[in-house]
Protein backbone atom coordinates (compact mmCIF):
# COMPACT_ATOMS: atom_id res chain seq x y z
CA MET A 1 -8.34 -74.24 101.68
CA ARG A 2 -5.75 -74.93 103.63
CA ARG A 3 -5.87 -74.86 106.85
CA ARG A 4 -4.09 -72.00 108.07
CA ASP A 5 -6.50 -69.76 105.43
CA LEU A 6 -9.61 -71.38 107.23
CA LEU A 7 -8.56 -70.55 110.70
CA LYS A 8 -7.90 -67.01 109.67
CA LEU A 9 -11.72 -67.09 107.76
CA LEU A 10 -13.17 -68.10 111.37
CA GLY A 11 -11.27 -65.85 113.40
CA ALA A 12 -12.42 -62.65 111.16
CA ALA A 13 -15.93 -64.30 111.74
CA ALA A 14 -15.88 -64.78 115.03
CA ALA A 15 -14.62 -61.01 115.55
CA THR A 16 -17.40 -60.16 113.56
CA ALA A 17 -19.70 -61.53 115.61
CA VAL A 18 -18.33 -60.14 119.34
CA ALA A 19 -17.89 -56.96 118.15
CA PRO A 20 -19.70 -54.44 121.02
CA ARG A 21 -22.56 -52.78 119.46
CA THR A 22 -24.39 -49.83 121.55
CA SER A 23 -27.73 -49.77 122.46
CA LEU A 24 -28.95 -47.97 119.24
CA GLY A 25 -28.19 -50.71 117.04
CA ALA A 26 -25.11 -49.89 115.09
CA ALA A 27 -21.21 -51.31 115.57
CA ALA A 28 -18.97 -49.93 117.71
CA PRO A 29 -16.81 -47.12 116.16
CA PRO A 30 -13.47 -47.95 114.86
CA ARG A 31 -10.80 -46.24 116.94
CA LEU A 32 -10.08 -43.35 115.35
CA ALA A 33 -7.57 -40.34 116.49
CA PRO A 34 -8.27 -39.12 120.00
CA LEU A 35 -10.29 -36.27 120.73
CA ASP A 36 -10.63 -34.47 123.61
CA ALA A 37 -14.52 -32.78 122.72
CA VAL A 38 -17.08 -33.19 120.08
CA ILE A 39 -19.02 -29.82 119.52
CA VAL A 40 -22.01 -30.25 117.78
CA GLY A 41 -22.92 -26.81 116.32
CA ALA A 42 -21.02 -24.16 114.27
CA GLY A 43 -23.14 -21.12 115.61
CA PHE A 44 -20.81 -18.52 117.77
CA ALA A 45 -21.46 -20.50 121.03
CA GLY A 46 -19.91 -23.43 119.25
CA LEU A 47 -17.37 -21.94 117.49
CA THR A 48 -16.39 -19.81 120.66
CA ALA A 49 -16.05 -23.33 122.66
CA ALA A 50 -13.74 -25.08 120.52
CA ARG A 51 -11.70 -21.75 120.04
CA GLU A 52 -11.33 -21.74 124.13
CA LEU A 53 -10.96 -25.44 124.23
CA VAL A 54 -7.86 -25.23 121.45
CA LYS A 55 -6.29 -22.33 123.02
CA GLN A 56 -5.35 -25.03 126.06
CA GLY A 57 -4.16 -27.72 123.90
CA ARG A 58 -7.41 -29.87 123.64
CA LYS A 59 -8.13 -31.49 120.44
CA VAL A 60 -11.80 -30.99 119.29
CA VAL A 61 -14.27 -31.19 116.25
CA VAL A 62 -16.79 -29.22 115.46
CA VAL A 63 -19.47 -31.10 113.68
CA GLU A 64 -22.34 -28.85 111.53
CA ALA A 65 -25.70 -30.05 110.14
CA ARG A 66 -25.63 -26.83 107.39
CA ASP A 67 -22.90 -26.22 105.04
CA ARG A 68 -21.84 -23.01 106.50
CA VAL A 69 -20.45 -21.83 109.97
CA GLY A 70 -22.86 -19.15 111.67
CA GLY A 71 -25.86 -20.62 113.13
CA ARG A 72 -28.69 -17.87 113.18
CA VAL A 73 -26.03 -15.67 111.67
CA LYS A 74 -26.31 -15.87 108.02
CA GLY A 75 -24.78 -14.10 105.08
CA GLY A 76 -26.56 -13.40 102.10
CA THR A 77 -26.16 -10.59 99.06
CA ILE A 78 -28.82 -8.16 97.53
CA ALA A 79 -28.16 -5.44 94.67
CA GLY A 80 -23.91 -6.91 94.88
CA ARG A 81 -24.08 -5.95 98.66
CA HIS A 82 -23.20 -8.59 101.27
CA VAL A 83 -25.94 -8.34 103.79
CA ASP A 84 -26.44 -10.18 107.24
CA LEU A 85 -29.83 -12.39 106.91
CA GLY A 86 -29.50 -13.06 110.56
CA GLY A 87 -28.06 -11.29 113.20
CA MET A 88 -26.51 -7.99 112.44
CA TRP A 89 -26.11 -5.62 115.30
CA ALA A 90 -23.83 -5.00 118.37
CA GLY A 91 -24.37 -2.84 121.43
CA PRO A 92 -22.11 -0.95 123.36
CA THR A 93 -21.96 -3.26 126.47
CA GLN A 94 -21.98 -6.66 124.52
CA THR A 95 -18.53 -6.86 125.29
CA ARG A 96 -17.17 -10.55 123.99
CA LEU A 97 -19.07 -9.63 120.34
CA LEU A 98 -16.99 -5.94 120.52
CA ALA A 99 -13.85 -7.89 121.48
CA ALA A 100 -14.89 -10.59 118.83
CA LEU A 101 -14.57 -7.90 116.16
CA ASP A 102 -11.65 -5.62 117.41
CA GLU A 103 -9.62 -9.37 117.38
CA PHE A 104 -10.50 -10.27 113.57
CA GLY A 105 -10.32 -6.38 112.29
CA LEU A 106 -14.04 -5.91 111.54
CA HIS A 107 -15.42 -2.49 111.39
CA LYS A 108 -18.06 -1.00 113.50
CA THR A 109 -20.68 1.70 111.69
CA ALA A 110 -23.47 3.31 113.36
CA GLN A 111 -26.86 2.45 113.03
CA ARG A 112 -28.32 5.38 110.82
CA ILE A 113 -31.03 7.11 113.45
CA ALA A 114 -30.89 10.89 112.01
CA GLY A 115 -34.26 12.06 111.11
CA LYS A 116 -37.37 11.38 111.54
CA GLN A 117 -39.23 7.70 112.70
CA VAL A 118 -42.83 6.59 111.79
CA VAL A 119 -44.66 6.03 114.52
CA ASP A 120 -47.86 3.75 113.75
CA LEU A 121 -49.95 2.64 116.39
CA ALA A 122 -53.54 1.94 117.65
CA GLY A 123 -55.01 3.87 114.94
CA LYS A 124 -52.42 7.18 115.00
CA ARG A 125 -49.47 7.56 112.87
CA TRP A 126 -47.10 10.57 113.40
CA LEU A 127 -43.35 11.51 113.10
CA ALA A 128 -40.85 11.18 115.89
CA GLU A 129 -37.25 12.80 115.89
CA GLY A 130 -34.47 9.79 116.06
CA GLU A 131 -35.34 7.16 117.65
CA GLY A 132 -37.75 9.03 120.30
CA MET A 133 -41.22 7.95 120.11
CA GLY A 134 -43.06 11.42 120.17
CA PHE A 135 -46.22 10.77 122.81
CA ASP A 136 -47.89 13.11 123.97
CA PRO A 137 -46.73 13.91 128.16
CA ALA A 138 -49.57 11.91 129.53
CA VAL A 139 -48.61 8.80 127.51
CA GLU A 140 -44.85 8.92 128.13
CA LYS A 141 -45.29 9.57 131.67
CA GLU A 142 -47.22 6.22 131.97
CA ILE A 143 -44.92 4.52 129.79
CA GLY A 144 -41.84 5.90 131.55
CA ALA A 145 -43.26 4.78 135.18
CA MET A 146 -43.84 1.12 133.58
CA THR A 147 -40.43 1.00 132.22
CA ASP A 148 -39.10 1.84 135.63
CA GLU A 149 -40.91 -1.13 137.15
CA LEU A 150 -39.84 -3.33 134.88
CA ASP A 151 -36.46 -2.39 135.20
CA ARG A 152 -36.71 -2.93 139.36
CA MET A 153 -38.21 -5.80 138.94
CA ALA A 154 -35.69 -7.18 136.87
CA ALA A 155 -32.76 -5.91 138.92
CA THR A 156 -34.06 -8.39 141.88
CA ILE A 157 -33.83 -11.77 139.08
CA PRO A 158 -30.48 -13.14 139.71
CA VAL A 159 -29.08 -13.85 136.44
CA GLU A 160 -27.59 -17.22 137.49
CA ALA A 161 -30.65 -18.58 138.61
CA PRO A 162 -33.75 -16.55 137.74
CA TRP A 163 -36.24 -19.39 139.20
CA ASN A 164 -34.80 -18.59 142.27
CA ALA A 165 -35.77 -14.87 142.22
CA PRO A 166 -37.83 -13.80 145.35
CA ARG A 167 -41.36 -13.17 143.48
CA ALA A 168 -40.20 -15.97 140.65
CA ALA A 169 -43.25 -18.44 141.30
CA GLU A 170 -46.01 -15.26 140.99
CA TRP A 171 -44.27 -13.77 138.15
CA ASP A 172 -44.00 -17.02 136.41
CA ALA A 173 -47.33 -17.77 136.86
CA VAL A 174 -48.62 -14.80 134.58
CA SER A 175 -47.89 -14.10 131.14
CA ALA A 176 -46.21 -10.77 130.44
CA GLN A 177 -49.17 -9.49 128.09
CA GLU A 178 -51.41 -10.00 131.37
CA TRP A 179 -48.98 -7.91 133.56
CA LEU A 180 -48.65 -5.11 131.27
CA PHE A 181 -52.17 -5.33 130.18
CA ALA A 182 -53.24 -5.37 133.95
CA ARG A 183 -50.66 -1.93 134.38
CA THR A 184 -52.44 -0.27 131.67
CA ALA A 185 -55.89 0.55 129.91
CA ASP A 186 -54.14 3.00 127.26
CA PRO A 187 -54.64 1.66 123.69
CA LEU A 188 -51.91 3.18 122.78
CA VAL A 189 -49.70 2.30 125.95
CA ARG A 190 -50.43 -1.57 125.41
CA ALA A 191 -49.92 -1.16 121.48
CA TYR A 192 -46.16 0.12 122.28
CA TRP A 193 -45.62 -2.60 124.72
CA ASP A 194 -46.47 -5.16 122.38
CA ALA A 195 -44.88 -3.66 119.41
CA ASP A 196 -41.80 -3.30 121.29
CA PHE A 197 -41.41 -6.31 123.05
CA ARG A 198 -42.16 -8.21 120.27
CA SER A 199 -39.55 -6.97 117.84
CA VAL A 200 -36.88 -7.90 120.26
CA LEU A 201 -38.89 -11.31 121.65
CA GLU A 202 -40.20 -12.65 118.49
CA ALA A 203 -42.97 -14.27 120.42
CA ASP A 204 -46.53 -13.60 121.25
CA LEU A 205 -46.15 -11.69 124.64
CA SER A 206 -49.71 -14.21 125.71
CA ARG A 207 -47.25 -16.97 125.31
CA VAL A 208 -44.02 -15.35 127.70
CA SER A 209 -44.15 -15.60 131.22
CA LEU A 210 -43.20 -12.30 133.28
CA LEU A 211 -40.65 -13.74 135.02
CA TYR A 212 -38.98 -14.94 131.52
CA LEU A 213 -39.25 -11.40 130.34
CA LEU A 214 -37.81 -10.01 133.62
CA PHE A 215 -35.07 -12.12 133.05
CA TYR A 216 -34.37 -11.39 129.79
CA ILE A 217 -34.77 -7.84 130.46
CA ARG A 218 -31.53 -8.19 133.70
CA SER A 219 -29.95 -10.20 130.89
CA GLY A 220 -29.91 -7.33 128.09
CA ASP A 221 -29.18 -4.41 131.14
CA SER A 222 -32.57 -2.74 130.32
CA VAL A 223 -35.85 -2.30 128.54
CA ASP A 224 -33.95 0.87 126.94
CA ALA A 225 -31.13 -1.12 126.40
CA LEU A 226 -32.97 -3.70 124.86
CA PHE A 227 -34.84 -1.25 122.50
CA GLY A 228 -32.18 1.19 121.49
CA TYR A 229 -30.23 2.15 118.90
CA ALA A 230 -27.59 4.70 119.83
CA GLU A 231 -26.69 3.30 123.25
CA GLY A 232 -29.03 0.29 123.16
CA ALA A 233 -28.43 -3.46 121.26
CA GLN A 234 -29.09 -2.05 117.87
CA ALA A 235 -26.11 0.58 118.18
CA PHE A 236 -23.40 -0.99 115.32
CA LEU A 237 -23.57 -2.72 112.24
CA VAL A 238 -20.53 -4.39 110.55
CA LYS A 239 -19.09 -3.19 107.33
CA GLU A 240 -18.04 -6.55 106.44
CA GLY A 241 -21.18 -8.75 107.53
CA MET A 242 -21.69 -10.03 111.13
CA ALA A 243 -21.41 -13.69 108.87
CA GLY A 244 -17.84 -12.55 108.19
CA LEU A 245 -17.22 -12.61 111.97
CA ALA A 246 -18.48 -16.27 112.10
CA GLN A 247 -16.40 -17.16 109.12
CA ARG A 248 -13.15 -15.86 110.18
CA MET A 249 -13.15 -17.41 113.60
CA ALA A 250 -14.01 -20.91 111.81
CA ALA A 251 -11.41 -20.18 109.96
CA THR A 252 -9.00 -20.60 112.84
CA LEU A 253 -10.04 -24.09 113.63
CA GLY A 254 -9.43 -24.98 110.04
CA ASP A 255 -10.19 -28.87 109.14
CA ARG A 256 -11.41 -28.95 112.73
CA VAL A 257 -14.79 -28.11 111.34
CA ILE A 258 -16.67 -30.44 109.80
CA LEU A 259 -20.19 -29.11 107.45
CA GLY A 260 -22.83 -30.95 106.04
CA ALA A 261 -23.05 -33.68 108.79
CA PRO A 262 -26.53 -33.36 110.60
CA VAL A 263 -26.00 -35.34 114.09
CA ARG A 264 -28.24 -38.14 114.49
CA ALA A 265 -27.60 -39.63 117.59
CA ILE A 266 -25.63 -39.21 120.89
CA VAL A 267 -24.42 -42.23 123.04
CA GLN A 268 -22.82 -42.36 126.15
CA ASP A 269 -20.73 -45.02 128.22
CA ALA A 270 -18.38 -45.28 130.66
CA ALA A 271 -15.23 -44.54 128.40
CA GLY A 272 -17.17 -41.55 126.50
CA VAL A 273 -19.55 -39.88 124.14
CA VAL A 274 -20.19 -41.12 120.82
CA VAL A 275 -21.18 -38.78 118.19
CA ARG A 276 -23.11 -39.72 115.04
CA ALA A 277 -23.96 -38.25 111.59
CA ASP A 278 -25.27 -39.80 108.29
CA ARG A 279 -21.66 -41.21 107.38
CA LYS A 280 -19.24 -40.74 110.00
CA GLU A 281 -19.03 -40.39 113.84
CA TRP A 282 -16.90 -39.39 116.56
CA ARG A 283 -15.53 -40.56 119.95
CA ALA A 284 -14.16 -38.09 122.53
CA PRO A 285 -14.58 -38.02 126.30
CA THR A 286 -16.95 -35.31 126.57
CA ALA A 287 -19.70 -33.46 123.73
CA VAL A 288 -20.92 -29.92 123.49
CA VAL A 289 -24.32 -29.32 122.39
CA ALA A 290 -24.44 -26.01 120.89
CA ILE A 291 -27.97 -25.89 118.66
CA PRO A 292 -31.23 -24.18 119.94
CA PRO A 293 -32.85 -26.11 122.60
CA PRO A 294 -36.06 -27.45 120.81
CA LEU A 295 -33.74 -29.29 118.05
CA THR A 296 -32.12 -31.28 120.75
CA VAL A 297 -34.76 -33.58 121.08
CA ARG A 298 -34.55 -34.44 117.37
CA ILE A 299 -31.32 -36.64 118.57
CA ALA A 300 -31.79 -39.97 119.64
CA TRP A 301 -29.95 -40.12 122.86
CA ASP A 302 -28.70 -43.11 124.57
CA PRO A 303 -28.97 -43.02 127.50
CA PRO A 304 -32.61 -40.62 127.01
CA LEU A 305 -32.29 -36.90 128.41
CA PRO A 306 -33.47 -36.75 131.71
CA PRO A 307 -36.82 -36.08 132.10
CA GLY A 308 -36.91 -32.34 133.19
CA ARG A 309 -34.22 -31.42 130.14
CA ASP A 310 -36.42 -33.09 127.82
CA LEU A 311 -39.56 -31.27 128.97
CA LEU A 312 -38.03 -27.97 128.83
CA ALA A 313 -36.52 -28.39 125.12
CA GLN A 314 -40.08 -29.13 123.93
CA ARG A 315 -41.82 -26.18 126.32
CA MET A 316 -39.03 -23.56 124.81
CA PRO A 317 -40.27 -22.35 121.48
CA MET A 318 -38.64 -20.75 118.76
CA GLY A 319 -39.29 -17.10 117.61
CA SER A 320 -41.01 -17.05 114.09
CA VAL A 321 -39.58 -13.83 112.04
CA ILE A 322 -38.77 -13.57 108.49
CA LYS A 323 -36.02 -11.25 107.82
CA TRP A 324 -35.83 -9.13 104.39
CA TYR A 325 -33.77 -6.57 102.66
CA VAL A 326 -35.20 -4.32 100.18
CA ALA A 327 -32.53 -2.45 97.63
CA TYR A 328 -32.94 1.03 95.90
CA ASP A 329 -30.77 2.84 93.53
CA ARG A 330 -30.76 6.11 96.10
CA PRO A 331 -31.93 6.37 99.52
CA PHE A 332 -35.35 8.41 98.75
CA TRP A 333 -36.21 8.73 102.13
CA ARG A 334 -33.90 11.10 103.41
CA ASP A 335 -34.67 13.26 101.07
CA ARG A 336 -38.15 13.69 102.99
CA GLY A 337 -36.17 13.80 106.07
CA LEU A 338 -36.48 10.41 107.20
CA ASN A 339 -34.32 7.93 108.65
CA ALA A 340 -36.63 4.62 107.95
CA LEU A 341 -36.77 3.83 111.28
CA VAL A 342 -40.85 2.47 111.42
CA VAL A 343 -42.84 1.36 114.39
CA THR A 344 -46.14 -0.35 114.06
CA ASP A 345 -48.66 -2.95 115.28
CA ARG A 346 -49.40 -2.59 111.28
CA PRO A 347 -49.20 -6.01 109.83
CA PRO A 348 -46.96 -7.77 108.37
CA ALA A 349 -44.01 -5.62 109.60
CA VAL A 350 -43.36 -4.57 113.13
CA VAL A 351 -40.35 -2.17 112.10
CA SER A 352 -37.64 -1.21 109.43
CA VAL A 353 -34.21 0.17 109.55
CA ASP A 354 -31.95 2.10 107.18
CA ALA A 355 -29.42 -0.81 106.67
CA THR A 356 -27.32 1.24 103.92
CA LYS A 357 -23.57 1.18 105.28
CA ASP A 358 -21.80 3.89 103.20
CA ASN A 359 -22.74 6.26 100.81
CA ASP A 360 -21.96 3.99 97.64
CA GLY A 361 -23.69 1.72 95.62
CA PRO A 362 -27.46 0.63 96.47
CA ALA A 363 -29.63 1.48 99.66
CA LEU A 364 -30.98 -0.64 101.84
CA LEU A 365 -33.92 -0.96 103.89
CA ALA A 366 -34.24 -4.02 106.13
CA GLY A 367 -37.27 -5.30 108.72
CA PHE A 368 -39.00 -8.24 109.83
CA ILE A 369 -42.10 -9.92 109.31
CA ASP A 370 -43.13 -10.32 112.97
CA THR A 371 -44.85 -12.93 114.88
CA PRO A 372 -47.41 -13.62 114.29
CA HIS A 373 -47.77 -12.69 110.68
CA SER A 374 -44.31 -14.53 110.14
CA LEU A 375 -46.71 -17.81 110.55
CA ARG A 376 -48.98 -16.94 107.58
CA PHE A 377 -45.97 -16.34 105.26
CA THR A 378 -43.61 -18.79 106.31
CA GLY A 379 -42.79 -21.49 103.71
CA ARG A 380 -45.12 -19.26 100.83
CA PRO A 381 -43.80 -18.23 97.58
CA VAL A 382 -41.15 -14.99 98.23
CA GLU A 383 -43.09 -13.52 95.83
CA GLU A 384 -46.17 -13.30 97.86
CA ARG A 385 -44.01 -11.95 101.01
CA LYS A 386 -42.08 -9.45 98.78
CA GLU A 387 -45.50 -8.02 97.99
CA ALA A 388 -46.94 -7.80 101.29
CA VAL A 389 -43.54 -5.94 102.80
CA LEU A 390 -43.57 -3.34 99.32
CA GLY A 391 -47.28 -2.43 100.03
CA TRP A 392 -46.22 -1.79 103.52
CA LEU A 393 -43.54 0.42 102.60
CA ALA A 394 -44.88 2.20 100.35
CA GLU A 395 -47.88 3.10 102.91
CA TYR A 396 -45.06 5.00 104.99
CA PHE A 397 -42.29 5.95 102.52
CA GLY A 398 -44.40 6.70 98.84
CA LYS A 399 -44.71 5.16 95.86
CA GLU A 400 -41.39 4.98 95.60
CA ALA A 401 -40.76 2.58 98.02
CA ALA A 402 -42.67 -0.21 95.60
CA LYS A 403 -40.49 -0.19 92.92
CA PRO A 404 -37.12 -1.21 94.28
CA ILE A 405 -33.90 -2.84 92.21
CA ALA A 406 -33.71 -6.15 94.32
CA TYR A 407 -35.83 -7.99 97.03
CA VAL A 408 -34.63 -10.82 99.68
CA ASP A 409 -35.47 -12.58 102.60
CA GLN A 410 -34.69 -15.37 105.06
CA ASP A 411 -37.33 -17.38 106.49
CA TRP A 412 -36.35 -18.67 109.91
CA PRO A 413 -39.08 -21.18 110.75
CA ALA A 414 -38.75 -22.42 107.44
CA GLU A 415 -34.68 -22.94 108.23
CA ALA A 416 -34.58 -26.83 109.29
CA TRP A 417 -31.75 -26.56 111.65
CA SER A 418 -32.89 -23.63 113.05
CA ARG A 419 -36.83 -23.63 112.92
CA GLY A 420 -36.75 -20.06 114.27
CA CYS A 421 -35.18 -16.89 115.34
CA TYR A 422 -34.06 -14.72 116.88
CA GLY A 423 -34.27 -17.42 120.39
CA ALA A 424 -36.31 -19.68 122.24
CA SER A 425 -38.57 -18.86 125.25
CA MET A 426 -40.39 -19.97 127.99
CA GLY A 427 -43.99 -19.28 128.55
CA PRO A 428 -45.68 -19.44 132.35
CA THR A 429 -44.42 -21.63 134.72
CA VAL A 430 -41.75 -23.26 132.40
CA MET A 431 -38.69 -21.33 134.03
CA THR A 432 -40.08 -22.29 137.78
CA SER A 433 -40.54 -25.54 137.13
CA LEU A 434 -37.62 -26.85 134.28
CA GLY A 435 -35.44 -24.12 133.85
CA ARG A 436 -32.71 -25.26 136.11
CA TYR A 437 -32.31 -28.07 133.48
CA LEU A 438 -30.74 -25.55 130.90
CA ARG A 439 -27.35 -25.50 131.55
CA GLU A 440 -27.34 -28.49 133.54
CA PRO A 441 -24.74 -31.37 131.85
CA HIS A 442 -26.35 -34.77 130.75
CA GLY A 443 -23.82 -37.04 131.96
CA ARG A 444 -20.80 -36.36 129.59
CA VAL A 445 -22.45 -33.70 127.40
CA HIS A 446 -22.43 -30.34 128.21
CA TRP A 447 -24.85 -27.27 126.74
CA ALA A 448 -23.99 -24.08 125.11
CA GLY A 449 -25.96 -21.35 122.95
CA THR A 450 -27.32 -18.05 123.29
CA GLU A 451 -30.29 -19.40 125.27
CA THR A 452 -28.02 -20.70 128.32
CA SER A 453 -26.32 -17.67 128.63
CA ASP A 454 -27.08 -15.64 131.84
CA ARG A 455 -25.68 -12.04 130.05
CA TRP A 456 -27.49 -11.05 126.47
CA MET A 457 -29.39 -14.28 126.34
CA GLY A 458 -30.56 -14.19 123.09
CA TYR A 459 -28.06 -11.97 120.97
CA ILE A 460 -24.69 -12.75 119.48
CA ASP A 461 -22.65 -11.98 122.64
CA GLY A 462 -24.71 -14.12 124.62
CA ALA A 463 -24.06 -17.34 122.38
CA ILE A 464 -20.45 -16.25 122.64
CA ARG A 465 -20.68 -15.90 126.38
CA SER A 466 -21.61 -19.61 126.44
CA GLY A 467 -18.85 -20.56 124.27
CA GLU A 468 -17.33 -19.47 126.81
CA ARG A 469 -18.67 -21.12 130.01
CA VAL A 470 -19.18 -24.63 128.34
CA ALA A 471 -15.10 -24.31 127.68
CA ALA A 472 -14.66 -23.96 131.03
CA GLU A 473 -16.74 -26.69 132.03
CA VAL A 474 -15.42 -29.09 130.16
CA LEU A 475 -11.82 -27.96 131.47
CA ALA A 476 -12.79 -28.39 134.37
CA ARG A 477 -14.16 -32.19 133.99
CA PRO A 478 -12.02 -34.44 136.39
CA GLY A 479 -10.09 -36.63 134.14
């Protein structure tokens, strides 16, 4: 070997020996095209943050574990129809979501409520007009008084910092169920509150703090707005599907969106952040993490997450729900004057709706296997869930309901990159002791996701708002 060649070989070996390494043990990344931010998660929060940053001339990538965009919004098909297996509704005050639908030319259609709904609570069953509950006057009066009280209490919650509410410590020390059940001994009134709040939270009310529930109400306008259809959060379906909106948003970002890349580690140093997936990594001055809070502790962090942020993520369990669709040749329930709405405390579902968007083709019912029944069915064969759902539908709509042309469902607790739906909640004492860490940056890492929103938290609109907020944070960083 010539001396010149030997010197080259020794130089290369020396360079390898002194290559800097992070504390997680991997060699420092090669120099890549400069980025301004790496965004983890291609749900509505991550996609919105990326779009806002790109509008300001920033260079970003969006790194997504799944092979699709949308996060807890997911498209599916049944009987040749596109359906939303995750979030699907928009409400009249969800202005960020409505603006996005308009921007991309998607079309809203009103949720069908004409006809009579079935109410089956506390061992009593009856029909009520539209979305009304049809309670007798005494029960209606008691529920109305409790609704007003909840709305008045919620109005005292500062949405940007609910843990600073005047009675935060008192309200955070008890569960929502304790407070509600202390206000009434009527089993029908109790069943109503339990069924309706479980239908929007997908969490056991005994494990949700009163303060968290009040913040949720304030975030979503009012109790009636959370529960409502015509004027509430369930007012509109999207003809092209809510998943179609996520896909259109992602299309504007082009190859900035990287799918099938679960993030395993996030490392920070004085120069920036390194985000590592299985086969690739990205460096930027800052990062945005826009995934469900409980999943953030599955990432290896260097330096570690602050204790408060780590503890918060561990104490915010995801809601547990399995969403289903059933298709029929025709909407036979309408022949009987029914609108397909059901409110019940009878397992395994808590609610159903007519999810048919037009008059052509098959008719669709949609609903949810809710908490706690979803915990029994998650991970089980789909045929078991189908049998349970069809038996439930037949009880309310007759034998025709047991003979669909198709069935499909989405087992959200079993979904590896969500581990539940709709959102994460907080039990007693969590919000006052740890809530302030929800949006507090970890060095160069900022947080997004619907759980971090102070408006329509838990909804698609809240996810979009969180993406806007976090983009503003990143743009305001010095340097």
